[in-house]
Amino acid sequence: KYIGVWAEYTFSDDVPETELIINNIDGNKVDYEIMFYRLAGYYNQTAY
């Protein structure tokens, strides 16, 4: 149920300041991405 896009809205209701994208969960393996608006992006990440 946690697969999807999770967002933090601070300065705008339309543009999230931070996003956590959980692309897939296979057992205890998680494929995810983290994006900080206009600051940095972390793509194709894996954790457990």
All heavy atoms as atom14 arrays in JSON, in Angstrom:
{
  "sequence": "KYIGVWAEYTFSDDVPETELIINNIDGNKVDYEIMFYRLAGYYNQTAY",
  "atom14_mask": [
    [1, 1, 1, 1, 1, 1, 1, 1, 1, 0, 0, 0, 0, 0],
    [1, 1, 1, 1, 1, 1, 1, 1, 1, 1, 1, 1, 0, 0],
    [1, 1, 1, 1, 1, 1, 1, 1, 0, 0, 0, 0, 0, 0],
    [1, 1, 1, 1, 0, 0, 0, 0, 0, 0, 0, 0, 0, 0],
    [1, 1, 1, 1, 1, 1, 1, 0, 0, 0, 0, 0, 0, 0],
    [1, 1, 1, 1, 1, 1, 1, 1, 1, 1, 1, 1, 1, 1],
    [1, 1, 1, 1, 1, 0, 0, 0, 0, 0, 0, 0, 0, 0],
    [1, 1, 1, 1, 1, 1, 1, 1, 1, 0, 0, 0, 0, 0],
    [1, 1, 1, 1, 1, 1, 1, 1, 1, 1, 1, 1, 0, 0],
    [1, 1, 1, 1, 1, 1, 1, 0, 0, 0, 0, 0, 0, 0],
    [1, 1, 1, 1, 1, 1, 1, 1, 1, 1, 1, 0, 0, 0],
    [1, 1, 1, 1, 1, 1, 0, 0, 0, 0, 0, 0, 0, 0],
    [1, 1, 1, 1, 1, 1, 1, 1, 0, 0, 0, 0, 0, 0],
    [1, 1, 1, 1, 1, 1, 1, 1, 0, 0, 0, 0, 0, 0],
    [1, 1, 1, 1, 1, 1, 1, 0, 0, 0, 0, 0, 0, 0],
    [1, 1, 1, 1, 1, 1, 1, 0, 0, 0, 0, 0, 0, 0],
    [1, 1, 1, 1, 1, 1, 1, 1, 1, 0, 0, 0, 0, 0],
    [1, 1, 1, 1, 1, 1, 1, 0, 0, 0, 0, 0, 0, 0],
    [1, 1, 1, 1, 1, 1, 1, 1, 1, 0, 0, 0, 0, 0],
    [1, 1, 1, 1, 1, 1, 1, 1, 0, 0, 0, 0, 0, 0],
    [1, 1, 1, 1, 1, 1, 1, 1, 0, 0, 0, 0, 0, 0],
    [1, 1, 1, 1, 1, 1, 1, 1, 0, 0, 0, 0, 0, 0],
    [1, 1, 1, 1, 1, 1, 1, 1, 0, 0, 0, 0, 0, 0],
    [1, 1, 1, 1, 1, 1, 1, 1, 0, 0, 0, 0, 0, 0],
    [1, 1, 1, 1, 1, 1, 1, 1, 0, 0, 0, 0, 0, 0],
    [1, 1, 1, 1, 1, 1, 1, 1, 0, 0, 0, 0, 0, 0],
    [1, 1, 1, 1, 0, 0, 0, 0, 0, 0, 0, 0, 0, 0],
    [1, 1, 1, 1, 1, 1, 1, 1, 0, 0, 0, 0, 0, 0],
    [1, 1, 1, 1, 1, 1, 1, 1, 1, 0, 0, 0, 0, 0],
    [1, 1, 1, 1, 1, 1, 1, 0, 0, 0, 0, 0, 0, 0],
    [1, 1, 1, 1, 1, 1, 1, 1, 0, 0, 0, 0, 0, 0],
    [1, 1, 1, 1, 1, 1, 1, 1, 1, 1, 1, 1, 0, 0],
    [1, 1, 1, 1, 1, 1, 1, 1, 1, 0, 0, 0, 0, 0],
    [1, 1, 1, 1, 1, 1, 1, 1, 0, 0, 0, 0, 0, 0],
    [1, 1, 1, 1, 1, 1, 1, 1, 0, 0, 0, 0, 0, 0],
    [1, 1, 1, 1, 1, 1, 1, 1, 1, 1, 1, 0, 0, 0],
    [1, 1, 1, 1, 1, 1, 1, 1, 1, 1, 1, 1, 0, 0],
    [1, 1, 1, 1, 1, 1, 1, 1, 1, 1, 1, 0, 0, 0],
    [1, 1, 1, 1, 1, 1, 1, 1, 0, 0, 0, 0, 0, 0],
    [1, 1, 1, 1, 1, 0, 0, 0, 0, 0, 0, 0, 0, 0],
    [1, 1, 1, 1, 0, 0, 0, 0, 0, 0, 0, 0, 0, 0],
    [1, 1, 1, 1, 1, 1, 1, 1, 1, 1, 1, 1, 0, 0],
    [1, 1, 1, 1, 1, 1, 1, 1, 1, 1, 1, 1, 0, 0],
    [1, 1, 1, 1, 1, 1, 1, 1, 0, 0, 0, 0, 0, 0],
    [1, 1, 1, 1, 1, 1, 1, 1, 1, 0, 0, 0, 0, 0],
    [1, 1, 1, 1, 1, 1, 1, 0, 0, 0, 0, 0, 0, 0],
    [1, 1, 1, 1, 1, 0, 0, 0, 0, 0, 0, 0, 0, 0],
    [1, 1, 1, 1, 1, 1, 1, 1, 1, 1, 1, 1, 0, 0]
  ],
  "atom14_positions": [
    [[0.82, -1.22, 0.0], [0.0, 0.0, 0.0], [0.85, 1.27, 0.0], [0.36, 2.37, -0.28], [-0.94, 0.02, 1.2], [-0.25, 0.24, 2.54], [-1.3, 0.35, 3.66], [-0.66, 0.68, 5.0], [-1.67, 0.82, 6.07], [0.0, 0.0, 0.0], [0.0, 0.0, 0.0], [0.0, 0.0, 0.0], [0.0, 0.0, 0.0], [0.0, 0.0, 0.0]],
    [[2.13, 1.12, 0.32], [3.02, 2.29, 0.35], [3.61, 2.61, -1.02], [4.31, 3.61, -1.17], [4.13, 2.09, 1.37], [3.63, 2.0, 2.78], [3.49, 0.77, 3.41], [3.28, 3.15, 3.49], [3.02, 0.68, 4.72], [2.82, 3.07, 4.79], [2.68, 1.83, 5.4], [2.21, 1.75, 6.69], [0.0, 0.0, 0.0], [0.0, 0.0, 0.0]],
    [[3.38, 1.75, -2.01], [3.87, 2.03, -3.36], [3.12, 3.25, -3.91], [1.9, 3.33, -3.86], [3.66, 0.81, -4.28], [4.51, -0.38, -3.79], [4.02, 1.16, -5.72], [4.28, -1.65, -4.57], [0.0, 0.0, 0.0], [0.0, 0.0, 0.0], [0.0, 0.0, 0.0], [0.0, 0.0, 0.0], [0.0, 0.0, 0.0], [0.0, 0.0, 0.0]],
    [[3.86, 4.2, -4.44], [3.26, 5.41, -4.97], [4.09, 6.62, -4.66], [5.26, 6.54, -4.29], [0.0, 0.0, 0.0], [0.0, 0.0, 0.0], [0.0, 0.0, 0.0], [0.0, 0.0, 0.0], [0.0, 0.0, 0.0], [0.0, 0.0, 0.0], [0.0, 0.0, 0.0], [0.0, 0.0, 0.0], [0.0, 0.0, 0.0], [0.0, 0.0, 0.0]],
    [[3.48, 7.79, -4.82], [4.17, 9.06, -4.63], [3.71, 9.72, -3.34], [2.52, 9.94, -3.12], [3.9, 10.01, -5.82], [4.66, 11.32, -5.63], [4.31, 9.35, -7.13], [0.0, 0.0, 0.0], [0.0, 0.0, 0.0], [0.0, 0.0, 0.0], [0.0, 0.0, 0.0], [0.0, 0.0, 0.0], [0.0, 0.0, 0.0], [0.0, 0.0, 0.0]],
    [[4.67, 10.04, -2.47], [4.41, 10.7, -1.21], [5.03, 12.09, -1.27], [6.16, 12.25, -1.74], [4.99, 9.9, -0.05], [4.4, 8.53, 0.07], [4.7, 7.43, -0.67], [3.38, 8.12, 0.98], [3.94, 6.35, -0.29], [3.11, 6.75, 0.74], [2.65, 8.77, 1.99], [2.17, 6.03, 1.44], [1.72, 8.05, 2.71], [1.48, 6.7, 2.44]],
    [[4.3, 13.09, -0.81], [4.74, 14.46, -1.01], [4.65, 15.3, 0.26], [3.83, 15.04, 1.14], [3.92, 15.12, -2.13], [0.0, 0.0, 0.0], [0.0, 0.0, 0.0], [0.0, 0.0, 0.0], [0.0, 0.0, 0.0], [0.0, 0.0, 0.0], [0.0, 0.0, 0.0], [0.0, 0.0, 0.0], [0.0, 0.0, 0.0], [0.0, 0.0, 0.0]],
    [[5.52, 16.31, 0.32], [5.5, 17.3, 1.39], [5.2, 18.66, 0.76], [5.93, 19.12, -0.12], [6.86, 17.36, 2.1], [6.94, 18.46, 3.14], [8.37, 18.87, 3.46], [9.25, 18.7, 2.58], [8.6, 19.35, 4.58], [0.0, 0.0, 0.0], [0.0, 0.0, 0.0], [0.0, 0.0, 0.0], [0.0, 0.0, 0.0], [0.0, 0.0, 0.0]],
    [[4.11, 19.3, 1.2], [3.73, 20.61, 0.68], [4.02, 21.66, 1.75], [3.46, 21.61, 2.84], [2.25, 20.64, 0.31], [1.9, 19.69, -0.82], [1.48, 18.4, -0.55], [2.0, 20.1, -2.14], [1.16, 17.53, -1.59], [1.68, 19.24, -3.18], [1.27, 17.95, -2.9], [0.96, 17.1, -3.92], [0.0, 0.0, 0.0], [0.0, 0.0, 0.0]],
    [[4.91, 22.59, 1.42], [5.29, 23.62, 2.39], [4.91, 25.01, 1.9], [4.26, 25.78, 2.61], [6.81, 23.57, 2.67], [7.13, 22.27, 3.16], [7.2, 24.6, 3.7], [0.0, 0.0, 0.0], [0.0, 0.0, 0.0], [0.0, 0.0, 0.0], [0.0, 0.0, 0.0], [0.0, 0.0, 0.0], [0.0, 0.0, 0.0], [0.0, 0.0, 0.0]],
    [[5.34, 25.34, 0.67], [5.12, 26.7, 0.2], [4.03, 26.79, -0.87], [3.69, 27.87, -1.32], [6.42, 27.28, -0.37], [7.09, 26.4, -1.39], [6.67, 26.41, -2.71], [8.14, 25.56, -1.03], [7.28, 25.61, -3.65], [8.75, 24.76, -1.98], [8.32, 24.79, -3.29], [0.0, 0.0, 0.0], [0.0, 0.0, 0.0], [0.0, 0.0, 0.0]],
    [[3.46, 25.67, -1.3], [2.45, 25.69, -2.34], [1.58, 24.45, -2.25], [2.09, 23.37, -1.93], [3.09, 25.79, -3.73], [2.14, 25.59, -4.75], [0.0, 0.0, 0.0], [0.0, 0.0, 0.0], [0.0, 0.0, 0.0], [0.0, 0.0, 0.0], [0.0, 0.0, 0.0], [0.0, 0.0, 0.0], [0.0, 0.0, 0.0], [0.0, 0.0, 0.0]],
    [[0.29, 24.58, -2.53], [-0.6, 23.43, -2.54], [-0.46, 22.63, -3.83], [-0.96, 21.51, -3.93], [-2.06, 23.88, -2.39], [-2.34, 24.44, -1.0], [-1.61, 24.06, -0.07], [-3.28, 25.25, -0.86], [0.0, 0.0, 0.0], [0.0, 0.0, 0.0], [0.0, 0.0, 0.0], [0.0, 0.0, 0.0], [0.0, 0.0, 0.0], [0.0, 0.0, 0.0]],
    [[0.18, 23.22, -4.83], [0.31, 22.56, -6.12], [1.69, 21.95, -6.35], [1.83, 20.94, -7.05], [0.02, 23.56, -7.25], [-1.4, 24.12, -7.16], [-2.31, 23.34, -6.84], [-1.57, 25.34, -7.38], [0.0, 0.0, 0.0], [0.0, 0.0, 0.0], [0.0, 0.0, 0.0], [0.0, 0.0, 0.0], [0.0, 0.0, 0.0], [0.0, 0.0, 0.0]],
    [[2.72, 22.59, -5.8], [4.09, 22.13, -6.03], [4.67, 21.58, -4.73], [4.84, 22.32, -3.76], [4.98, 23.28, -6.55], [6.39, 22.77, -6.8], [4.38, 23.87, -7.81], [0.0, 0.0, 0.0], [0.0, 0.0, 0.0], [0.0, 0.0, 0.0], [0.0, 0.0, 0.0], [0.0, 0.0, 0.0], [0.0, 0.0, 0.0], [0.0, 0.0, 0.0]],
    [[4.98, 20.29, -4.66], [5.56, 19.73, -3.44], [7.01, 20.15, -3.28], [7.75, 20.24, -4.26], [5.44, 18.22, -3.66], [5.44, 18.05, -5.14], [4.77, 19.27, -5.7], [0.0, 0.0, 0.0], [0.0, 0.0, 0.0], [0.0, 0.0, 0.0], [0.0, 0.0, 0.0], [0.0, 0.0, 0.0], [0.0, 0.0, 0.0], [0.0, 0.0, 0.0]],
    [[7.41, 20.41, -2.04], [8.81, 20.75, -1.79], [9.68, 19.51, -1.86], [10.82, 19.56, -2.33], [8.95, 21.42, -0.41], [10.38, 21.85, -0.12], [10.49, 22.63, 1.17], [9.46, 22.85, 1.83], [11.61, 23.03, 1.52], [0.0, 0.0, 0.0], [0.0, 0.0, 0.0], [0.0, 0.0, 0.0], [0.0, 0.0, 0.0], [0.0, 0.0, 0.0]],
    [[9.16, 18.38, -1.37], [9.89, 17.12, -1.39], [8.96, 16.0, -1.8], [7.79, 15.98, -1.41], [10.49, 16.81, 0.0], [11.18, 17.95, 0.49], [11.45, 15.63, -0.08], [0.0, 0.0, 0.0], [0.0, 0.0, 0.0], [0.0, 0.0, 0.0], [0.0, 0.0, 0.0], [0.0, 0.0, 0.0], [0.0, 0.0, 0.0], [0.0, 0.0, 0.0]],
    [[9.48, 15.06, -2.57], [8.7, 13.89, -2.96], [9.49, 12.61, -2.7], [10.69, 12.55, -2.96], [8.32, 13.95, -4.44], [7.2, 14.92, -4.76], [6.74, 14.8, -6.2], [7.6, 14.72, -7.09], [5.52, 14.78, -6.42], [0.0, 0.0, 0.0], [0.0, 0.0, 0.0], [0.0, 0.0, 0.0], [0.0, 0.0, 0.0], [0.0, 0.0, 0.0]],
    [[8.81, 11.62, -2.16], [9.35, 10.28, -2.01], [8.52, 9.37, -2.91], [7.31, 9.25, -2.73], [9.26, 9.82, -0.55], [9.53, 8.32, -0.31], [10.99, 7.98, -0.62], [9.19, 7.94, 1.13], [0.0, 0.0, 0.0], [0.0, 0.0, 0.0], [0.0, 0.0, 0.0], [0.0, 0.0, 0.0], [0.0, 0.0, 0.0], [0.0, 0.0, 0.0]],
    [[9.16, 8.75, -3.88], [8.46, 7.86, -4.81], [8.89, 6.43, -4.52], [10.07, 6.09, -4.67], [8.76, 8.21, -6.28], [8.29, 9.62, -6.6], [8.07, 7.22, -7.21], [9.36, 10.66, -6.5], [0.0, 0.0, 0.0], [0.0, 0.0, 0.0], [0.0, 0.0, 0.0], [0.0, 0.0, 0.0], [0.0, 0.0, 0.0], [0.0, 0.0, 0.0]],
    [[7.97, 5.62, -4.06], [8.24, 4.2, -3.85], [7.72, 3.47, -5.09], [6.51, 3.33, -5.29], [7.57, 3.68, -2.57], [8.13, 4.44, -1.35], [7.8, 2.18, -2.41], [7.53, 4.03, -0.03], [0.0, 0.0, 0.0], [0.0, 0.0, 0.0], [0.0, 0.0, 0.0], [0.0, 0.0, 0.0], [0.0, 0.0, 0.0], [0.0, 0.0, 0.0]],
    [[8.64, 3.02, -5.93], [8.27, 2.43, -7.21], [7.86, 0.97, -7.09], [6.97, 0.51, -7.8], [9.44, 2.55, -8.2], [9.7, 3.99, -8.61], [8.76, 4.72, -8.92], [10.95, 4.4, -8.58], [0.0, 0.0, 0.0], [0.0, 0.0, 0.0], [0.0, 0.0, 0.0], [0.0, 0.0, 0.0], [0.0, 0.0, 0.0], [0.0, 0.0, 0.0]],
    [[8.51, 0.25, -6.18], [8.2, -1.17, -6.05], [8.69, -1.7, -4.71], [9.68, -1.23, -4.17], [8.87, -1.97, -7.18], [8.44, -3.42, -7.2], [7.24, -3.71, -7.11], [9.38, -4.33, -7.3], [0.0, 0.0, 0.0], [0.0, 0.0, 0.0], [0.0, 0.0, 0.0], [0.0, 0.0, 0.0], [0.0, 0.0, 0.0], [0.0, 0.0, 0.0]],
    [[7.94, -2.66, -4.15], [8.34, -3.36, -2.93], [8.23, -4.85, -3.19], [7.14, -5.36, -3.49], [7.47, -2.96, -1.72], [7.61, -1.46, -1.44], [7.86, -3.77, -0.5], [6.75, -0.97, -0.27], [0.0, 0.0, 0.0], [0.0, 0.0, 0.0], [0.0, 0.0, 0.0], [0.0, 0.0, 0.0], [0.0, 0.0, 0.0], [0.0, 0.0, 0.0]],
    [[9.35, -5.55, -3.13], [9.39, -6.99, -3.37], [9.96, -7.66, -2.12], [11.16, -7.66, -1.9], [10.26, -7.3, -4.58], [10.33, -8.79, -4.89], [9.53, -9.56, -4.31], [11.18, -9.19, -5.71], [0.0, 0.0, 0.0], [0.0, 0.0, 0.0], [0.0, 0.0, 0.0], [0.0, 0.0, 0.0], [0.0, 0.0, 0.0], [0.0, 0.0, 0.0]],
    [[9.09, -8.21, -1.29], [9.53, -8.74, 0.0], [10.0, -7.61, 0.87], [9.23, -6.7, 1.19], [0.0, 0.0, 0.0], [0.0, 0.0, 0.0], [0.0, 0.0, 0.0], [0.0, 0.0, 0.0], [0.0, 0.0, 0.0], [0.0, 0.0, 0.0], [0.0, 0.0, 0.0], [0.0, 0.0, 0.0], [0.0, 0.0, 0.0], [0.0, 0.0, 0.0]],
    [[11.28, -7.61, 1.22], [11.83, -6.51, 2.03], [12.68, -5.56, 1.19], [13.32, -4.65, 1.72], [12.64, -7.05, 3.21], [13.9, -7.76, 2.75], [14.02, -8.18, 1.61], [14.85, -7.92, 3.66], [0.0, 0.0, 0.0], [0.0, 0.0, 0.0], [0.0, 0.0, 0.0], [0.0, 0.0, 0.0], [0.0, 0.0, 0.0], [0.0, 0.0, 0.0]],
    [[12.68, -5.76, -0.11], [13.45, -4.91, -1.01], [12.58, -3.77, -1.54], [11.49, -4.0, -2.04], [14.01, -5.73, -2.17], [14.9, -4.95, -3.12], [15.43, -5.86, -4.22], [16.31, -5.1, -5.2], [16.79, -5.98, -6.29], [0.0, 0.0, 0.0], [0.0, 0.0, 0.0], [0.0, 0.0, 0.0], [0.0, 0.0, 0.0], [0.0, 0.0, 0.0]],
    [[13.1, -2.54, -1.46], [12.34, -1.35, -1.85], [13.11, -0.59, -2.93], [14.28, -0.26, -2.76], [12.1, -0.41, -0.65], [11.27, 0.8, -1.07], [11.42, -1.15, 0.48], [0.0, 0.0, 0.0], [0.0, 0.0, 0.0], [0.0, 0.0, 0.0], [0.0, 0.0, 0.0], [0.0, 0.0, 0.0], [0.0, 0.0, 0.0], [0.0, 0.0, 0.0]],
    [[12.43, -0.31, -4.06], [12.98, 0.57, -5.09], [12.33, 1.94, -4.92], [11.11, 2.06, -4.95], [12.68, 0.01, -6.49], [13.35, -1.34, -6.72], [14.45, -1.53, -6.2], [12.74, -2.18, -7.42], [0.0, 0.0, 0.0], [0.0, 0.0, 0.0], [0.0, 0.0, 0.0], [0.0, 0.0, 0.0], [0.0, 0.0, 0.0], [0.0, 0.0, 0.0]],
    [[13.15, 2.97, -4.76], [12.59, 4.28, -4.41], [13.38, 5.41, -5.05], [14.49, 5.22, -5.57], [12.57, 4.46, -2.89], [13.96, 4.64, -2.3], [14.45, 5.91, -1.99], [14.8, 3.56, -2.04], [15.71, 6.1, -1.47], [16.06, 3.72, -1.51], [16.52, 4.99, -1.23], [17.77, 5.17, -0.73], [0.0, 0.0, 0.0], [0.0, 0.0, 0.0]],
    [[12.79, 6.61, -4.99], [13.44, 7.83, -5.45], [13.05, 8.96, -4.49], [11.97, 8.94, -3.9], [12.99, 8.19, -6.87], [13.32, 7.11, -7.9], [12.69, 7.36, -9.26], [11.98, 8.39, -9.38], [12.91, 6.57, -10.18], [0.0, 0.0, 0.0], [0.0, 0.0, 0.0], [0.0, 0.0, 0.0], [0.0, 0.0, 0.0], [0.0, 0.0, 0.0]],
    [[13.95, 9.93, -4.33], [13.67, 11.1, -3.49], [14.01, 12.34, -4.3], [15.09, 12.42, -4.89], [14.5, 11.1, -2.19], [14.28, 9.8, -1.41], [14.13, 12.3, -1.32], [15.16, 9.68, -0.18], [0.0, 0.0, 0.0], [0.0, 0.0, 0.0], [0.0, 0.0, 0.0], [0.0, 0.0, 0.0], [0.0, 0.0, 0.0], [0.0, 0.0, 0.0]],
    [[13.08, 13.32, -4.32], [13.32, 14.55, -5.06], [13.05, 15.76, -4.19], [12.02, 15.84, -3.53], [12.45, 14.58, -6.31], [13.07, 13.82, -7.47], [11.89, 13.44, -8.77], [11.09, 12.02, -8.06], [0.0, 0.0, 0.0], [0.0, 0.0, 0.0], [0.0, 0.0, 0.0], [0.0, 0.0, 0.0], [0.0, 0.0, 0.0], [0.0, 0.0, 0.0]],
    [[14.01, 16.69, -4.19], [13.88, 17.95, -3.47], [13.74, 19.06, -4.51], [14.61, 19.24, -5.36], [15.11, 18.21, -2.6], [15.3, 17.18, -1.53], [16.02, 16.01, -1.79], [14.77, 17.36, -0.26], [16.2, 15.04, -0.8], [14.95, 16.41, 0.73], [15.65, 15.25, 0.45], [0.0, 0.0, 0.0], [0.0, 0.0, 0.0], [0.0, 0.0, 0.0]],
    [[12.64, 19.78, -4.44], [12.3, 20.78, -5.46], [13.44, 21.78, -5.66], [13.87, 22.46, -4.73], [11.01, 21.51, -5.06], [10.53, 22.52, -6.06], [10.1, 22.12, -7.33], [10.49, 23.88, -5.76], [9.65, 23.05, -8.25], [10.03, 24.81, -6.67], [9.61, 24.39, -7.92], [9.16, 25.3, -8.84], [0.0, 0.0, 0.0], [0.0, 0.0, 0.0]],
    [[13.97, 21.82, -6.88], [15.02, 22.75, -7.31], [16.35, 22.56, -6.57], [17.24, 23.4, -6.65], [14.56, 24.21, -7.18], [13.46, 24.59, -8.16], [13.11, 26.07, -8.03], [12.11, 26.46, -9.01], [11.55, 27.66, -9.07], [11.9, 28.59, -8.18], [10.66, 27.95, -9.99], [0.0, 0.0, 0.0], [0.0, 0.0, 0.0], [0.0, 0.0, 0.0]],
    [[16.5, 21.48, -5.81], [17.74, 21.27, -5.05], [18.51, 20.04, -5.51], [19.68, 20.14, -5.88], [17.43, 21.16, -3.55], [16.88, 22.41, -2.87], [16.59, 22.12, -1.41], [17.84, 23.58, -3.0], [0.0, 0.0, 0.0], [0.0, 0.0, 0.0], [0.0, 0.0, 0.0], [0.0, 0.0, 0.0], [0.0, 0.0, 0.0], [0.0, 0.0, 0.0]],
    [[17.86, 18.88, -5.46], [18.57, 17.64, -5.78], [17.58, 16.53, -6.06], [16.41, 16.59, -5.65], [19.5, 17.25, -4.62], [0.0, 0.0, 0.0], [0.0, 0.0, 0.0], [0.0, 0.0, 0.0], [0.0, 0.0, 0.0], [0.0, 0.0, 0.0], [0.0, 0.0, 0.0], [0.0, 0.0, 0.0], [0.0, 0.0, 0.0], [0.0, 0.0, 0.0]],
    [[18.05, 15.5, -6.74], [17.23, 14.33, -7.01], [18.03, 13.05, -6.86], [19.22, 13.01, -7.19], [0.0, 0.0, 0.0], [0.0, 0.0, 0.0], [0.0, 0.0, 0.0], [0.0, 0.0, 0.0], [0.0, 0.0, 0.0], [0.0, 0.0, 0.0], [0.0, 0.0, 0.0], [0.0, 0.0, 0.0], [0.0, 0.0, 0.0], [0.0, 0.0, 0.0]],
    [[17.38, 12.01, -6.34], [18.03, 10.71, -6.13], [17.18, 9.65, -6.81], [16.11, 9.3, -6.32], [18.2, 10.43, -4.63], [19.05, 11.48, -3.95], [18.45, 12.61, -3.38], [20.42, 11.36, -3.91], [19.23, 13.59, -2.78], [21.21, 12.34, -3.31], [20.61, 13.45, -2.75], [21.38, 14.41, -2.16], [0.0, 0.0, 0.0], [0.0, 0.0, 0.0]],
    [[17.66, 9.14, -7.94], [16.88, 8.23, -8.76], [17.48, 6.82, -8.71], [18.65, 6.63, -8.43], [16.84, 8.73, -10.21], [16.38, 10.16, -10.34], [17.29, 11.18, -10.59], [15.04, 10.5, -10.19], [16.88, 12.51, -10.7], [14.62, 11.82, -10.29], [15.54, 12.81, -10.55], [15.13, 14.11, -10.65], [0.0, 0.0, 0.0], [0.0, 0.0, 0.0]],
    [[16.62, 5.83, -8.99], [17.06, 4.43, -9.1], [17.81, 3.96, -7.85], [18.92, 3.45, -7.92], [17.94, 4.24, -10.34], [17.24, 4.66, -11.62], [16.05, 4.4, -11.8], [17.96, 5.33, -12.5], [0.0, 0.0, 0.0], [0.0, 0.0, 0.0], [0.0, 0.0, 0.0], [0.0, 0.0, 0.0], [0.0, 0.0, 0.0], [0.0, 0.0, 0.0]],
    [[17.18, 4.13, -6.7], [17.77, 3.74, -5.42], [17.11, 2.45, -4.9], [15.95, 2.18, -5.2], [17.6, 4.86, -4.39], [18.15, 6.2, -4.82], [19.66, 6.2, -4.93], [20.35, 5.58, -4.13], [20.19, 6.89, -5.94], [0.0, 0.0, 0.0], [0.0, 0.0, 0.0], [0.0, 0.0, 0.0], [0.0, 0.0, 0.0], [0.0, 0.0, 0.0]],
    [[17.87, 1.69, -4.12], [17.37, 0.45, -3.53], [17.76, 0.37, -2.06], [18.88, 0.73, -1.7], [17.93, -0.78, -4.27], [17.52, -0.75, -5.64], [17.42, -2.08, -3.64], [0.0, 0.0, 0.0], [0.0, 0.0, 0.0], [0.0, 0.0, 0.0], [0.0, 0.0, 0.0], [0.0, 0.0, 0.0], [0.0, 0.0, 0.0], [0.0, 0.0, 0.0]],
    [[16.83, -0.07, -1.21], [17.11, -0.27, 0.21], [16.22, -1.42, 0.7], [15.49, -2.04, -0.09], [16.86, 1.0, 1.0], [0.0, 0.0, 0.0], [0.0, 0.0, 0.0], [0.0, 0.0, 0.0], [0.0, 0.0, 0.0], [0.0, 0.0, 0.0], [0.0, 0.0, 0.0], [0.0, 0.0, 0.0], [0.0, 0.0, 0.0], [0.0, 0.0, 0.0]],
    [[16.27, -1.7, 2.0], [15.56, -2.86, 2.55], [14.8, -2.47, 3.82], [15.27, -1.69, 4.63], [16.54, -4.0, 2.84], [17.19, -4.53, 1.58], [18.33, -3.93, 1.07], [16.63, -5.6, 0.89], [18.92, -4.39, -0.09], [17.22, -6.07, -0.28], [18.36, -5.47, -0.76], [18.93, -5.93, -1.92], [0.0, 0.0, 0.0], [0.0, 0.0, 0.0]]
  ]
}
